[in-house]
Structure formats: structure tokens, C-alpha cells
Amino acid sequence: MKKLAFYFFLMIIIIVALPLLIVKGCSSGPPIEEEGTPPIKIQDGVKIKVFIKEQNKVKEMLLEEYVKGVVAAEMPAEFGLEALKAQAVAARTYAFARIKKLYLPESNLHSDADVCTDSTHCQAWTSKENAVKRWAFLSRSSYWNKIEEAVKQTEGIIITYNNKIINPVFHSNSGGKTENSEDVWDGKAEPYLRSVTSEGEEGNMDYKNVVLINADDFCNKLINEYSDIKLTSSNILDQIKILEYSAGGRIMNIKVGNLILKGIDIRRIFNLKSTNIKFEMKDKDTLLLTTYGNGHGVGMSQWGANYLAKNGGSCEEIIKHYYKGVELSNISNFLN
């Protein structure tokens, strides 16, 4: 009987007391993170001041939250995840460069903010509430989750060249080939903004655009812009001569009448999609202007990025295709 009681007491020690000692001994070590809880990162605290044009006010928000709104506004949510990730990295780089007071535009529209929501001045941005209104009801949740995933998977990643933050300009589609930066904007040639081929952009409705304009109206618009221009509507094509093309096939300099103009001037005056312009006559009184591409054509083509993503290209491959010689870096290395 005593032997039985001894074995019973021993079993109690093994089953109850020993596990308690083991647990108590392990408790002196570091706490175990809850599964799925990411470690706190320095970049989680980076904030940006955004001038929201529609509300005429400045709002401060976390940089990563701001990036979500840029991706939602700048790129179709149905695009491939790797393309959305590339857009997130470009948007974050653009915004962080402005926080660091780099590549500031000449026009000072928001001195009390780092960026604005006007896409003609900075980059587009939208709130989640407004973003989902643009999408079909059944797609709203999946689209926003996809954008959040693109931002989360690239959290804190920016683009650098020789350990310096780049100016990651982008556009809708290039019309088949992007541009060298100096061919579009006056100033120093950026080694990472080089002309590259950009395939698969034909699916964009703005890949090719046709504008019809009466020859008299064409002349009058230019005369209103340049009082010293000599131009007549008869035989108008004979008075137009393209003098120089860019590496991307766009018009750099063009002679119209007696004046030499820039391709960007023609684009602005006639509100064209790009400077890749072909001039023809539809009939004796009507000019037919065909443009290829949409935007300035420098840096990343969004539709080209999506083509690469659909064909197995990763976010990094997309970025390094459109921005030559760059590296992906962590924002924490540039916070000081």
C-alpha cells in the first residue's frame, strides 16, 4: 500500500510540478512574438504633410498610408501585383524625396506641405473612401486589399542611384519607347532616366489618339500664341517641318512657318497626349494629328510595367528596366 502511494505521489510530481518548473524557467527569456505581428520598424513613424487640393487644407499622415492613396489614384487596381508594387516603390521614393526637399518644382503651390494631390504638380492621391467608389461594388474589397498588399510587401523600400534618392518620374504609356530626361526637360541628363523599349502598351486606350483640326483653327491658335509667326492655312503641311526627334521617337524641335518651336509647345497648345506626333491631311481643309503614348514619356511606363508583371516580371525587374543602374534601398538609411 505504501509502495502504491509512493508511485502515486511520483506521478503527481511528473505530471503537475515538473511542467510548472519548466514553464517558470523559460519565462526568464525574451517574450515570444504573437504569430503574424511584424516587428516595429523606424519607417512606421515617417509622416508626410499633404495639401489636399479638393479640400484646400494640409493633412499630415503616415507615409505608408499616403502611398496607398497614390497607388489607388495613379494605377488601375486590376493591374498585376508586381506592377502595383513597382508603383508603390516609385510613389514612396517620390514622396520621401520631397520630404527631404529634393527635386522640388519651381512653382511653389504648397509651401506648408511636402506634396499635393494635384497630379499636374506632384502625384495623384485619393482617399480609400473615394477610391472604392470608382470600382465595381463586388471588386471594392479585393482591389483595396491588393493595393494594401502591394504597399505592405514593399514597405520602406525606395529607389536610389549611387546611394542617392532618385526622382522616379512615371507616366501612363510611352507609345513603345521611353525618353531620355534631357530630351524632354531642360537641364542635366539623369543617368537613370534613359530611353528604353516599353512593350505591351497597346492595350491602353490612349496608346494612339487622333485629333482633327481645321487648318484655319490650327493657324489661329499658333498666331494667338506667337504674334510674329508667319503661317497660312493653304498648303499647311508644306509649312511644317520636323527638325529633330528624341531617342524615344518624339518631336523635340519643329519648324512651323518661320518659327522653330519645341514639340512640348505643340503638345501644350493643341492639348495633345504626347509629343510623338504624326501630321497628315484628312482633306484639303482638315489636319489629322495622330499621337502615340500618353504623358511625358520619361521613367516608368505604367502600362509597360503591367505588361512586364503579366509576363512574370518582378517589382525589382520592372523598376530596374525603367530606371537604369538603380538599387532598391531601405528608407531607414536616409532618415537623418
Protein backbone atom coordinates (compact mmCIF):
# COMPACT_ATOMS: atom_id res chain seq x y z
CA MET A 1 0.00 0.00 0.00
CA LYS A 2 2.87 2.34 0.88
CA LYS A 3 4.56 1.40 -2.39
CA LEU A 4 1.38 2.28 -4.29
CA ALA A 5 1.15 5.64 -2.51
CA PHE A 6 4.80 6.36 -3.40
CA TYR A 7 4.18 5.74 -7.11
CA PHE A 8 1.02 7.88 -7.00
CA PHE A 9 3.00 10.76 -5.39
CA LEU A 10 5.75 10.38 -8.02
CA MET A 11 3.21 10.57 -10.86
CA ILE A 12 1.80 13.81 -9.39
CA ILE A 13 5.29 15.34 -9.43
CA ILE A 14 5.90 14.27 -13.05
CA ILE A 15 2.51 15.35 -14.38
CA VAL A 16 1.97 18.63 -12.49
CA ALA A 17 5.03 20.00 -10.75
CA LEU A 18 7.70 19.37 -13.39
CA PRO A 19 5.90 21.23 -16.25
CA LEU A 20 5.38 24.21 -13.93
CA LEU A 21 9.11 24.35 -13.21
CA ILE A 22 9.90 24.16 -16.93
CA VAL A 23 7.49 26.97 -17.79
CA LYS A 24 8.84 29.13 -14.99
CA GLY A 25 12.39 28.53 -16.19
CA CYS A 26 11.54 29.59 -19.82
CA SER A 27 9.78 32.75 -18.67
CA SER A 28 13.12 34.41 -17.97
CA GLY A 29 13.86 34.59 -21.73
CA PRO A 30 12.59 37.17 -24.31
CA PRO A 31 8.83 37.26 -24.92
CA ILE A 32 7.61 35.30 -27.92
CA GLU A 33 6.03 37.49 -30.63
CA GLU A 34 2.46 36.73 -31.50
CA GLU A 35 2.31 34.96 -34.84
CA GLY A 36 1.80 37.43 -37.70
CA THR A 37 2.77 40.50 -35.67
CA PRO A 38 5.54 42.32 -37.55
CA PRO A 39 8.37 43.98 -35.64
CA ILE A 40 8.12 47.75 -35.26
CA LYS A 41 10.22 49.49 -37.90
CA ILE A 42 11.65 53.00 -37.89
CA GLN A 43 9.83 53.89 -41.11
CA ASP A 44 6.45 53.25 -39.48
CA GLY A 45 6.78 56.68 -37.90
CA VAL A 46 7.66 58.63 -41.08
CA LYS A 47 4.96 61.21 -41.71
CA ILE A 48 4.22 63.44 -44.67
CA LYS A 49 2.28 66.68 -44.98
CA VAL A 50 -0.13 66.55 -47.91
CA PHE A 51 -2.00 69.52 -49.36
CA ILE A 52 -5.37 68.08 -50.37
CA LYS A 53 -6.39 70.34 -53.23
CA GLU A 54 -10.07 69.40 -53.22
CA GLN A 55 -10.40 70.34 -49.54
CA ASN A 56 -7.92 73.24 -49.64
CA LYS A 57 -6.19 72.03 -46.50
CA VAL A 58 -3.00 70.33 -45.34
CA LYS A 59 -3.28 66.92 -43.71
CA GLU A 60 -0.45 65.05 -42.01
CA MET A 61 -0.48 61.26 -42.43
CA LEU A 62 1.81 58.27 -42.23
CA LEU A 63 3.92 57.89 -45.35
CA GLU A 64 2.82 54.28 -45.92
CA GLU A 65 -0.84 55.28 -45.75
CA TYR A 66 -0.19 58.11 -48.20
CA VAL A 67 1.45 55.66 -50.62
CA LYS A 68 -1.71 53.53 -50.65
CA GLY A 69 -3.70 56.56 -51.82
CA VAL A 70 -1.18 57.32 -54.55
CA VAL A 71 -1.23 53.76 -55.91
CA ALA A 72 -5.03 53.79 -55.89
CA ALA A 73 -5.12 57.09 -57.79
CA GLU A 74 -2.22 56.57 -60.20
CA MET A 75 -2.55 52.96 -61.37
CA PRO A 76 -5.57 50.78 -62.27
CA ALA A 77 -6.21 48.35 -59.42
CA GLU A 78 -6.74 45.49 -61.88
CA PHE A 79 -3.06 45.66 -62.85
CA GLY A 80 -0.73 42.86 -61.78
CA LEU A 81 0.51 42.86 -58.17
CA GLU A 82 4.15 43.30 -59.20
CA ALA A 83 3.23 46.39 -61.24
CA LEU A 84 1.34 47.81 -58.26
CA LYS A 85 4.37 47.11 -56.08
CA ALA A 86 6.61 48.96 -58.55
CA GLN A 87 4.19 51.89 -58.45
CA ALA A 88 4.23 51.83 -54.65
CA VAL A 89 8.04 51.98 -54.59
CA ALA A 90 8.10 54.82 -57.13
CA ALA A 91 5.41 56.74 -55.22
CA ARG A 92 7.21 56.28 -51.89
CA THR A 93 10.51 57.39 -53.41
CA TYR A 94 8.90 60.46 -54.96
CA ALA A 95 7.22 61.43 -51.69
CA PHE A 96 10.26 60.82 -49.49
CA ALA A 97 12.44 62.87 -51.85
CA ARG A 98 10.02 65.79 -51.39
CA ILE A 99 10.12 65.33 -47.62
CA LYS A 100 13.91 65.63 -47.93
CA LYS A 101 13.41 68.78 -50.08
CA LEU A 102 14.80 67.14 -53.23
CA TYR A 103 13.60 67.76 -56.81
CA LEU A 104 11.18 70.48 -55.74
CA PRO A 105 9.17 72.04 -58.59
CA GLU A 106 9.81 75.66 -59.49
CA SER A 107 6.21 76.68 -58.79
CA ASN A 108 5.58 76.88 -55.06
CA LEU A 109 1.93 75.86 -54.70
CA HIS A 110 2.11 74.43 -51.18
CA SER A 111 4.99 75.80 -49.10
CA ASP A 112 3.46 74.40 -45.91
CA ALA A 113 3.19 70.84 -47.29
CA ASP A 114 5.61 68.29 -48.75
CA VAL A 115 3.34 67.26 -51.63
CA CYS A 116 -0.11 67.98 -53.04
CA THR A 117 -2.82 65.87 -54.64
CA ASP A 118 -2.71 67.73 -57.97
CA SER A 119 -1.23 65.27 -60.48
CA THR A 120 -0.10 68.13 -62.74
CA HIS A 121 2.13 69.42 -59.93
CA CYS A 122 3.02 66.39 -57.76
CA GLN A 123 1.46 62.93 -57.93
CA ALA A 124 -2.20 62.00 -57.68
CA TRP A 125 -3.70 60.80 -54.39
CA THR A 126 -7.12 59.66 -53.27
CA SER A 127 -8.68 58.56 -50.03
CA LYS A 128 -9.85 54.97 -49.61
CA GLU A 129 -13.44 56.22 -49.46
CA ASN A 130 -13.18 57.91 -52.85
CA ALA A 131 -11.09 55.15 -54.39
CA VAL A 132 -13.60 52.39 -53.80
CA LYS A 133 -16.42 54.48 -55.30
CA ARG A 134 -14.70 54.20 -58.70
CA TRP A 135 -14.67 50.40 -58.63
CA ALA A 136 -17.45 47.89 -59.23
CA PHE A 137 -19.13 47.00 -55.93
CA LEU A 138 -18.03 43.37 -55.92
CA SER A 139 -14.41 44.34 -56.63
CA ARG A 140 -14.00 47.02 -53.98
CA SER A 141 -12.74 44.85 -51.17
CA SER A 142 -10.37 42.77 -53.31
CA TYR A 143 -8.94 45.80 -55.11
CA TRP A 144 -8.20 47.72 -51.92
CA ASN A 145 -6.72 44.61 -50.29
CA LYS A 146 -4.49 44.20 -53.33
CA ILE A 147 -3.24 47.78 -53.05
CA GLU A 148 -2.59 47.34 -49.33
CA GLU A 149 -0.66 44.16 -50.08
CA ALA A 150 1.46 45.94 -52.72
CA VAL A 151 2.37 48.64 -50.19
CA LYS A 152 2.94 46.17 -47.35
CA GLN A 153 5.24 43.94 -49.41
CA THR A 154 7.41 46.94 -50.37
CA GLU A 155 7.22 48.73 -47.01
CA GLY A 156 10.05 51.22 -46.56
CA ILE A 157 11.68 50.46 -49.92
CA ILE A 158 12.86 53.37 -52.10
CA ILE A 159 14.93 53.68 -55.30
CA THR A 160 18.49 55.00 -55.20
CA TYR A 161 21.31 55.62 -57.65
CA ASN A 162 24.86 55.75 -56.30
CA ASN A 163 23.36 55.87 -52.80
CA LYS A 164 21.25 58.94 -53.64
CA ILE A 165 17.46 59.10 -53.79
CA ILE A 166 16.29 59.34 -57.40
CA ASN A 167 13.50 61.39 -58.96
CA PRO A 168 11.26 58.46 -60.00
CA VAL A 169 9.06 60.11 -62.62
CA PHE A 170 6.48 57.93 -64.35
CA HIS A 171 3.75 58.20 -66.97
CA SER A 172 0.78 56.28 -68.36
CA ASN A 173 2.35 54.83 -71.52
CA SER A 174 5.27 55.78 -73.71
CA GLY A 175 3.99 54.70 -77.11
CA GLY A 176 6.63 51.98 -77.31
CA LYS A 177 9.79 53.69 -76.09
CA THR A 178 10.56 55.95 -73.13
CA GLU A 179 12.58 59.15 -73.25
CA ASN A 180 15.92 60.47 -72.07
CA SER A 181 15.19 63.08 -69.41
CA GLU A 182 17.18 65.85 -71.12
CA ASP A 183 15.19 65.39 -74.34
CA VAL A 184 12.02 66.41 -72.51
CA TRP A 185 13.16 68.81 -69.79
CA ASP A 186 15.98 71.31 -69.92
CA GLY A 187 18.78 70.56 -67.50
CA LYS A 188 21.21 67.86 -66.54
CA ALA A 189 20.82 64.43 -68.07
CA GLU A 190 19.96 61.91 -65.35
CA PRO A 191 21.87 58.64 -65.86
CA TYR A 192 18.97 56.55 -64.54
CA LEU A 193 16.36 58.21 -66.80
CA ARG A 194 17.41 56.70 -70.12
CA SER A 195 15.33 55.77 -73.14
CA VAL A 196 14.29 52.08 -73.10
CA THR A 197 11.85 49.97 -75.07
CA SER A 198 8.44 49.53 -73.47
CA GLU A 199 6.40 46.65 -74.81
CA GLY A 200 2.75 45.74 -74.41
CA GLU A 201 1.28 49.23 -74.14
CA GLU A 202 -1.19 48.84 -77.00
CA GLY A 203 -3.95 47.78 -74.60
CA ASN A 204 -4.19 51.30 -73.24
CA MET A 205 -6.95 53.31 -74.92
CA ASP A 206 -4.60 56.31 -75.01
CA TYR A 207 -1.82 54.43 -76.80
CA LYS A 208 -2.99 56.01 -80.07
CA ASN A 209 -5.06 59.18 -80.34
CA VAL A 210 -6.33 61.07 -83.38
CA VAL A 211 -7.19 64.78 -83.31
CA LEU A 212 -8.87 66.54 -86.21
CA ILE A 213 -8.43 70.29 -86.50
CA ASN A 214 -9.43 72.76 -89.18
CA ALA A 215 -6.40 74.29 -90.92
CA ASP A 216 -7.64 77.83 -90.13
CA ASP A 217 -8.06 76.95 -86.46
CA PHE A 218 -4.59 75.42 -86.41
CA CYS A 219 -3.09 78.63 -87.74
CA ASN A 220 -5.13 80.90 -85.47
CA LYS A 221 -4.09 79.03 -82.34
CA LEU A 222 -0.44 79.44 -83.23
CA ILE A 223 -0.87 83.09 -84.24
CA ASN A 224 -2.54 83.80 -80.89
CA GLU A 225 0.44 82.19 -79.16
CA TYR A 226 3.17 83.71 -81.34
CA SER A 227 2.36 87.10 -82.82
CA ASP A 228 5.44 87.03 -85.07
CA ILE A 229 4.66 83.71 -86.72
CA LYS A 230 4.10 83.72 -90.48
CA LEU A 231 1.68 80.95 -91.38
CA THR A 232 -1.21 80.43 -93.79
CA SER A 233 -3.84 77.70 -93.86
CA SER A 234 -3.32 76.86 -97.52
CA ASN A 235 -0.84 74.03 -98.10
CA ILE A 236 -0.30 73.85 -94.35
CA LEU A 237 1.75 70.65 -94.40
CA ASP A 238 4.36 72.33 -96.61
CA GLN A 239 4.92 74.81 -93.78
CA ILE A 240 5.55 72.15 -91.13
CA LYS A 241 8.98 70.50 -90.90
CA ILE A 242 10.19 68.27 -88.07
CA LEU A 243 13.81 69.17 -87.35
CA GLU A 244 14.77 66.82 -84.52
CA TYR A 245 13.43 63.64 -82.94
CA SER A 246 14.23 62.37 -79.46
CA ALA A 247 15.65 58.93 -78.67
CA GLY A 248 12.07 57.87 -77.93
CA GLY A 249 10.81 58.99 -81.35
CA ARG A 250 9.11 62.17 -80.16
CA ILE A 251 9.36 65.63 -81.66
CA MET A 252 11.98 67.79 -79.99
CA ASN A 253 12.17 70.68 -82.46
CA ILE A 254 9.79 71.54 -85.25
CA LYS A 255 9.66 74.41 -87.72
CA VAL A 256 6.17 75.84 -88.26
CA GLY A 257 6.03 78.71 -90.70
CA ASN A 258 9.05 80.88 -89.93
CA LEU A 259 9.47 79.82 -86.28
CA ILE A 260 11.27 76.92 -84.64
CA LEU A 261 9.20 75.51 -81.78
CA LYS A 262 9.57 72.67 -79.32
CA GLY A 263 7.46 69.56 -79.53
CA ILE A 264 6.24 70.21 -75.99
CA ASP A 265 4.90 73.58 -77.16
CA ILE A 266 2.81 71.92 -79.87
CA ARG A 267 1.54 69.37 -77.37
CA ARG A 268 0.53 72.11 -74.91
CA ILE A 269 -1.12 74.43 -77.44
CA PHE A 270 -3.23 71.68 -79.01
CA ASN A 271 -3.77 69.68 -75.81
CA LEU A 272 -2.25 66.51 -77.24
CA LYS A 273 -1.48 63.31 -75.32
CA SER A 274 2.21 63.27 -76.22
CA THR A 275 4.89 64.78 -78.47
CA ASN A 276 5.06 61.64 -80.64
CA ILE A 277 3.01 63.34 -83.36
CA LYS A 278 2.31 62.48 -86.98
CA PHE A 279 0.92 65.25 -89.22
CA GLU A 280 -1.40 64.38 -92.14
CA MET A 281 -4.23 65.97 -94.11
CA LYS A 282 -7.64 64.34 -93.81
CA ASP A 283 -8.87 66.59 -96.60
CA LYS A 284 -7.79 69.92 -98.06
CA ASP A 285 -9.11 71.87 -95.05
CA THR A 286 -8.55 69.46 -92.15
CA LEU A 287 -5.35 68.44 -90.37
CA LEU A 288 -5.15 64.98 -88.83
CA LEU A 289 -2.79 64.79 -85.83
CA THR A 290 -2.03 61.27 -84.61
CA THR A 291 -0.20 60.86 -81.30
CA TYR A 292 1.30 57.76 -79.71
CA GLY A 293 1.66 57.40 -75.97
CA ASN A 294 0.23 59.37 -73.08
CA GLY A 295 2.40 61.58 -70.89
CA HIS A 296 5.94 62.97 -70.95
CA GLY A 297 7.41 59.53 -71.61
CA VAL A 298 10.23 59.71 -69.02
CA GLY A 299 10.83 56.98 -66.44
CA MET A 300 8.41 54.15 -65.76
CA SER A 301 5.57 53.43 -68.15
CA GLN A 302 2.66 52.17 -66.06
CA TRP A 303 1.18 50.12 -68.89
CA GLY A 304 4.60 48.79 -69.76
CA ALA A 305 5.08 47.85 -66.10
CA ASN A 306 1.83 45.91 -66.16
CA TYR A 307 2.90 44.06 -69.32
CA LEU A 308 6.13 43.01 -67.63
CA ALA A 309 4.23 41.93 -64.50
CA LYS A 310 1.80 39.81 -66.51
CA ASN A 311 4.76 38.12 -68.16
CA GLY A 312 6.43 37.14 -64.92
CA GLY A 313 8.46 40.27 -64.21
CA SER A 314 9.05 41.09 -60.56
CA CYS A 315 8.74 44.50 -58.95
CA GLU A 316 12.53 44.83 -58.86
CA GLU A 317 12.88 43.78 -62.51
CA ILE A 318 10.28 46.34 -63.56
CA ILE A 319 11.98 49.13 -61.64
CA LYS A 320 15.44 48.27 -62.94
CA HIS A 321 14.13 48.12 -66.52
CA TYR A 322 12.74 51.65 -66.44
CA TYR A 323 15.31 53.26 -64.11
CA LYS A 324 18.76 52.24 -65.30
CA GLY A 325 21.53 51.34 -62.86
CA VAL A 326 19.44 51.85 -59.72
CA GLU A 327 19.22 49.90 -56.47
CA LEU A 328 16.42 49.25 -54.00
CA SER A 329 17.28 50.66 -50.58
CA ASN A 330 15.63 50.94 -47.18
CA ILE A 331 14.28 54.31 -46.20
CA SER A 332 15.73 53.92 -42.70
CA ASN A 333 19.19 54.55 -44.14
CA PHE A 334 18.14 58.06 -45.24
CA LEU A 335 16.17 59.34 -42.25
CA ASN A 336 18.93 61.59 -40.86
